[in-house]
Amino acid sequence: MQNRHIAVTLECFVRKKGKYLMLHRSKDKKILPGVWMAPGGHREFNEGLFACARREIFEETGLRIKNLQIKAQGNAYLHDVDKEFYFHFVFADYAGGKLKQNKKDGDLIWLTPKEIMKLDNVLTEIKEVAPYIFKKDKKVLSYKAVYETGNKLSSLEIEKP
């Protein structure tokens, strides 16, 4: 059996006045440098999903969030770093706080879904699943993805419920 290198993570799409907070990752990052994605991070040992989202968003952005909802879950294998990411995409509403920038992580910007889709180097799987995750329904998407190198997606499979 192959040893697995698994990271448990999440991205949180924070909503405010029809826009979502996006992170343009620093070019100094080891994994996915220069890629646009929602802010988030690794879940700590025995940490609940929503507790993790609240903690990560507060730590990275200074914002508080409410009305959390799971919109997608799955895993992505990054072939070039031999690492598997088990993740959730969580959506939440802005609840308060002042946005703080952290240049070591990258730049945070509020964008509409249409603006997100026009970004150069947005996380490829976001482009693929955007029609599902930006809907105003309660459905949860499940999928798996494989990246050959960097942000180059080689496969994405959406699971049927």
C-alpha atoms as a PDB file:
ATOM      1  CA  MET A   1       0.000   0.000   0.000  1.00  0.00           C
ATOM      2  CA  GLN A   2       1.255   3.471  -0.920  1.00  0.00           C
ATOM      3  CA  ASN A   3       2.028   5.893   1.920  1.00  0.00           C
ATOM      4  CA  ARG A   4      -0.344   8.833   1.784  1.00  0.00           C
ATOM      5  CA  HIS A   5       0.666  12.421   2.418  1.00  0.00           C
ATOM      6  CA  ILE A   6      -2.651  14.065   3.281  1.00  0.00           C
ATOM      7  CA  ALA A   7      -3.445  17.630   4.294  1.00  0.00           C
ATOM      8  CA  VAL A   8      -6.932  18.495   5.585  1.00  0.00           C
ATOM      9  CA  THR A   9      -7.821  22.009   4.470  1.00  0.00           C
ATOM     10  CA  LEU A  10     -10.594  24.403   3.574  1.00  0.00           C
ATOM     11  CA  GLU A  11     -11.223  27.496   1.511  1.00  0.00           C
ATOM     12  CA  CYS A  12     -13.825  29.952   2.765  1.00  0.00           C
ATOM     13  CA  PHE A  13     -15.639  32.187   0.301  1.00  0.00           C
ATOM     14  CA  VAL A  14     -16.644  35.174   2.455  1.00  0.00           C
ATOM     15  CA  ARG A  15     -19.617  37.116   0.978  1.00  0.00           C
ATOM     16  CA  LYS A  16     -20.137  40.850   1.397  1.00  0.00           C
ATOM     17  CA  LYS A  17     -22.523  42.922  -0.744  1.00  0.00           C
ATOM     18  CA  GLY A  18     -22.479  40.452  -3.650  1.00  0.00           C
ATOM     19  CA  LYS A  19     -18.700  40.073  -3.667  1.00  0.00           C
ATOM     20  CA  TYR A  20     -16.405  37.337  -2.365  1.00  0.00           C
ATOM     21  CA  LEU A  21     -13.039  37.718  -0.699  1.00  0.00           C
ATOM     22  CA  MET A  22     -10.268  36.189  -2.807  1.00  0.00           C
ATOM     23  CA  LEU A  23      -6.588  35.685  -2.026  1.00  0.00           C
ATOM     24  CA  HIS A  24      -3.889  36.156  -4.659  1.00  0.00           C
ATOM     25  CA  ARG A  25      -1.267  33.875  -3.135  1.00  0.00           C
ATOM     26  CA  SER A  26       2.242  35.225  -2.752  1.00  0.00           C
ATOM     27  CA  LYS A  27       4.711  34.163  -5.438  1.00  0.00           C
ATOM     28  CA  ASP A  28       6.951  32.971  -2.561  1.00  0.00           C
ATOM     29  CA  LYS A  29       4.519  30.184  -1.561  1.00  0.00           C
ATOM     30  CA  LYS A  30       5.809  26.627  -1.987  1.00  0.00           C
ATOM     31  CA  ILE A  31       2.440  25.263  -3.145  1.00  0.00           C
ATOM     32  CA  LEU A  32       0.421  27.083  -5.835  1.00  0.00           C
ATOM     33  CA  PRO A  33       2.408  30.362  -5.854  1.00  0.00           C
ATOM     34  CA  GLY A  34       0.640  33.259  -7.562  1.00  0.00           C
ATOM     35  CA  VAL A  35      -2.689  31.405  -7.713  1.00  0.00           C
ATOM     36  CA  TRP A  36      -6.031  33.044  -6.856  1.00  0.00           C
ATOM     37  CA  MET A  37      -8.189  31.166  -4.354  1.00  0.00           C
ATOM     38  CA  ALA A  38     -10.463  31.806  -1.399  1.00  0.00           C
ATOM     39  CA  PRO A  39      -8.661  32.334   1.929  1.00  0.00           C
ATOM     40  CA  GLY A  40      -8.438  29.378   4.281  1.00  0.00           C
ATOM     41  CA  GLY A  41      -5.940  26.867   5.515  1.00  0.00           C
ATOM     42  CA  HIS A  42      -5.242  23.660   7.401  1.00  0.00           C
ATOM     43  CA  ARG A  43      -7.546  22.173   9.997  1.00  0.00           C
ATOM     44  CA  GLU A  44      -5.931  21.580  13.352  1.00  0.00           C
ATOM     45  CA  PHE A  45      -6.115  18.249  15.177  1.00  0.00           C
ATOM     46  CA  ASN A  46      -9.731  17.383  16.057  1.00  0.00           C
ATOM     47  CA  GLU A  47     -10.942  20.821  14.935  1.00  0.00           C
ATOM     48  CA  GLY A  48     -14.469  21.177  13.608  1.00  0.00           C
ATOM     49  CA  LEU A  49     -14.934  22.431  10.068  1.00  0.00           C
ATOM     50  CA  PHE A  50     -16.826  25.618  10.957  1.00  0.00           C
ATOM     51  CA  ALA A  51     -14.525  26.359  13.896  1.00  0.00           C
ATOM     52  CA  CYS A  52     -11.593  26.043  11.491  1.00  0.00           C
ATOM     53  CA  ALA A  53     -13.241  28.391   8.972  1.00  0.00           C
ATOM     54  CA  ARG A  54     -13.897  31.002  11.659  1.00  0.00           C
ATOM     55  CA  ARG A  55     -10.341  30.716  13.027  1.00  0.00           C
ATOM     56  CA  GLU A  56      -8.595  30.766   9.638  1.00  0.00           C
ATOM     57  CA  ILE A  57     -10.624  33.695   8.324  1.00  0.00           C
ATOM     58  CA  PHE A  58     -10.049  35.708  11.491  1.00  0.00           C
ATOM     59  CA  GLU A  59      -6.306  34.903  11.570  1.00  0.00           C
ATOM     60  CA  GLU A  60      -5.737  35.616   7.874  1.00  0.00           C
ATOM     61  CA  THR A  61      -8.119  38.518   7.300  1.00  0.00           C
ATOM     62  CA  GLY A  62      -9.223  39.999  10.639  1.00  0.00           C
ATOM     63  CA  LEU A  63     -12.868  39.371   9.671  1.00  0.00           C
ATOM     64  CA  ARG A  64     -15.641  37.581  11.533  1.00  0.00           C
ATOM     65  CA  ILE A  65     -18.072  35.381   9.596  1.00  0.00           C
ATOM     66  CA  LYS A  66     -21.575  33.931  10.034  1.00  0.00           C
ATOM     67  CA  ASN A  67     -24.103  31.716   8.203  1.00  0.00           C
ATOM     68  CA  LEU A  68     -21.548  29.092   7.210  1.00  0.00           C
ATOM     69  CA  GLN A  69     -22.533  26.561   4.539  1.00  0.00           C
ATOM     70  CA  ILE A  70     -20.620  23.688   2.940  1.00  0.00           C
ATOM     71  CA  LYS A  71     -20.751  24.032  -0.861  1.00  0.00           C
ATOM     72  CA  ALA A  72     -18.192  21.424  -1.947  1.00  0.00           C
ATOM     73  CA  GLN A  73     -15.967  18.725  -0.562  1.00  0.00           C
ATOM     74  CA  GLY A  74     -13.445  16.457  -2.129  1.00  0.00           C
ATOM     75  CA  ASN A  75      -9.809  15.779  -2.632  1.00  0.00           C
ATOM     76  CA  ALA A  76      -7.109  17.019  -4.943  1.00  0.00           C
ATOM     77  CA  TYR A  77      -3.834  15.235  -5.585  1.00  0.00           C
ATOM     78  CA  LEU A  78      -0.851  17.448  -6.452  1.00  0.00           C
ATOM     79  CA  HIS A  79       1.428  15.146  -8.397  1.00  0.00           C
ATOM     80  CA  ASP A  80       4.471  17.434  -8.397  1.00  0.00           C
ATOM     81  CA  VAL A  81       4.612  17.630  -4.590  1.00  0.00           C
ATOM     82  CA  ASP A  82       3.130  14.137  -3.989  1.00  0.00           C
ATOM     83  CA  LYS A  83       0.490  15.476  -1.633  1.00  0.00           C
ATOM     84  CA  GLU A  84      -3.240  14.851  -1.353  1.00  0.00           C
ATOM     85  CA  PHE A  85      -5.515  17.599  -0.053  1.00  0.00           C
ATOM     86  CA  TYR A  86      -8.834  16.653   1.511  1.00  0.00           C
ATOM     87  CA  PHE A  87     -10.812  19.883   1.533  1.00  0.00           C
ATOM     88  CA  HIS A  88     -14.103  21.700   1.889  1.00  0.00           C
ATOM     89  CA  PHE A  89     -15.282  24.848   0.153  1.00  0.00           C
ATOM     90  CA  VAL A  90     -17.263  26.766   2.761  1.00  0.00           C
ATOM     91  CA  PHE A  91     -19.338  29.865   2.028  1.00  0.00           C
ATOM     92  CA  ALA A  92     -20.019  32.425   4.758  1.00  0.00           C
ATOM     93  CA  ASP A  93     -21.392  35.903   5.180  1.00  0.00           C
ATOM     94  CA  TYR A  94     -19.270  38.787   6.457  1.00  0.00           C
ATOM     95  CA  ALA A  95     -20.213  39.497  10.094  1.00  0.00           C
ATOM     96  CA  GLY A  96     -17.776  42.269  11.009  1.00  0.00           C
ATOM     97  CA  GLY A  97     -14.193  43.347  11.415  1.00  0.00           C
ATOM     98  CA  LYS A  98     -11.739  45.362   9.367  1.00  0.00           C
ATOM     99  CA  LEU A  99      -9.867  43.624   6.531  1.00  0.00           C
ATOM    100  CA  LYS A 100      -6.156  43.283   7.241  1.00  0.00           C
ATOM    101  CA  GLN A 101      -3.622  42.449   4.553  1.00  0.00           C
ATOM    102  CA  ASN A 102      -0.778  40.008   5.177  1.00  0.00           C
ATOM    103  CA  LYS A 103       1.762  40.330   2.367  1.00  0.00           C
ATOM    104  CA  LYS A 104       3.468  37.044   3.279  1.00  0.00           C
ATOM    105  CA  ASP A 105       0.248  35.186   2.343  1.00  0.00           C
ATOM    106  CA  GLY A 106      -0.673  37.434  -0.603  1.00  0.00           C
ATOM    107  CA  ASP A 107      -3.246  40.111  -1.488  1.00  0.00           C
ATOM    108  CA  LEU A 108      -6.925  39.992  -0.454  1.00  0.00           C
ATOM    109  CA  ILE A 109      -9.500  41.526  -2.816  1.00  0.00           C
ATOM    110  CA  TRP A 110     -13.335  41.562  -2.942  1.00  0.00           C
ATOM    111  CA  LEU A 111     -14.610  40.319  -6.339  1.00  0.00           C
ATOM    112  CA  THR A 112     -17.897  39.280  -7.959  1.00  0.00           C
ATOM    113  CA  PRO A 113     -18.201  35.711  -9.302  1.00  0.00           C
ATOM    114  CA  LYS A 114     -17.859  37.093 -12.867  1.00  0.00           C
ATOM    115  CA  GLU A 115     -14.664  38.929 -11.912  1.00  0.00           C
ATOM    116  CA  ILE A 116     -13.310  35.767 -10.259  1.00  0.00           C
ATOM    117  CA  MET A 117     -13.851  33.786 -13.451  1.00  0.00           C
ATOM    118  CA  LYS A 118     -11.872  36.369 -15.477  1.00  0.00           C
ATOM    119  CA  LEU A 119      -8.803  36.247 -13.225  1.00  0.00           C
ATOM    120  CA  ASP A 120      -5.523  35.017 -14.643  1.00  0.00           C
ATOM    121  CA  ASN A 121      -4.326  31.977 -12.717  1.00  0.00           C
ATOM    122  CA  VAL A 122      -7.434  31.371 -10.594  1.00  0.00           C
ATOM    123  CA  LEU A 123      -7.295  27.906  -9.019  1.00  0.00           C
ATOM    124  CA  THR A 124      -8.321  25.728 -11.960  1.00  0.00           C
ATOM    125  CA  GLU A 125     -10.801  23.632 -10.019  1.00  0.00           C
ATOM    126  CA  ILE A 126     -12.682  26.785  -8.961  1.00  0.00           C
ATOM    127  CA  LYS A 127     -13.256  27.575 -12.641  1.00  0.00           C
ATOM    128  CA  GLU A 128     -14.532  24.034 -13.188  1.00  0.00           C
ATOM    129  CA  VAL A 129     -16.938  23.946 -10.240  1.00  0.00           C
ATOM    130  CA  ALA A 130     -18.045  27.610 -10.187  1.00  0.00           C
ATOM    131  CA  PRO A 131     -21.377  26.860 -11.928  1.00  0.00           C
ATOM    132  CA  TYR A 132     -22.236  24.593  -8.978  1.00  0.00           C
ATOM    133  CA  ILE A 133     -20.799  26.409  -5.973  1.00  0.00           C
ATOM    134  CA  PHE A 134     -22.032  29.920  -6.733  1.00  0.00           C
ATOM    135  CA  LYS A 135     -25.668  28.759  -7.025  1.00  0.00           C
ATOM    136  CA  LYS A 136     -27.952  29.878  -4.214  1.00  0.00           C
ATOM    137  CA  ASP A 137     -29.055  26.345  -3.352  1.00  0.00           C
ATOM    138  CA  LYS A 138     -28.168  24.013  -0.491  1.00  0.00           C
ATOM    139  CA  LYS A 139     -26.651  21.238  -2.636  1.00  0.00           C
ATOM    140  CA  VAL A 140     -23.150  20.064  -1.751  1.00  0.00           C
ATOM    141  CA  LEU A 141     -20.812  19.129  -4.582  1.00  0.00           C
ATOM    142  CA  SER A 142     -18.318  16.283  -4.257  1.00  0.00           C
ATOM    143  CA  TYR A 143     -15.384  15.882  -6.632  1.00  0.00           C
ATOM    144  CA  LYS A 144     -11.802  14.806  -7.030  1.00  0.00           C
ATOM    145  CA  ALA A 145      -9.045  16.512  -8.965  1.00  0.00           C
ATOM    146  CA  VAL A 146      -5.473  15.800 -10.037  1.00  0.00           C
ATOM    147  CA  TYR A 147      -2.865  18.472 -10.743  1.00  0.00           C
ATOM    148  CA  GLU A 148       0.250  17.492 -12.702  1.00  0.00           C
ATOM    149  CA  THR A 149       2.295  20.547 -11.816  1.00  0.00           C
ATOM    150  CA  GLY A 150       1.374  23.847 -10.188  1.00  0.00           C
ATOM    151  CA  ASN A 151      -2.111  24.973 -11.266  1.00  0.00           C
ATOM    152  CA  LYS A 152      -2.221  22.613 -14.290  1.00  0.00           C
ATOM    153  CA  LEU A 153      -5.240  20.374 -13.769  1.00  0.00           C
ATOM    154  CA  SER A 154      -5.013  16.993 -15.507  1.00  0.00           C
ATOM    155  CA  SER A 155      -8.361  15.597 -14.386  1.00  0.00           C
ATOM    156  CA  LEU A 156     -11.477  16.539 -12.472  1.00  0.00           C
ATOM    157  CA  GLU A 157     -14.366  14.195 -11.757  1.00  0.00           C
ATOM    158  CA  ILE A 158     -17.641  15.406 -10.249  1.00  0.00           C
ATOM    159  CA  GLU A 159     -19.375  12.617  -8.352  1.00  0.00           C
ATOM    160  CA  LYS A 160     -23.021  11.876  -8.888  1.00  0.00           C
ATOM    161  CA  PRO A 161     -25.124  11.887  -5.695  1.00  0.00           C
END
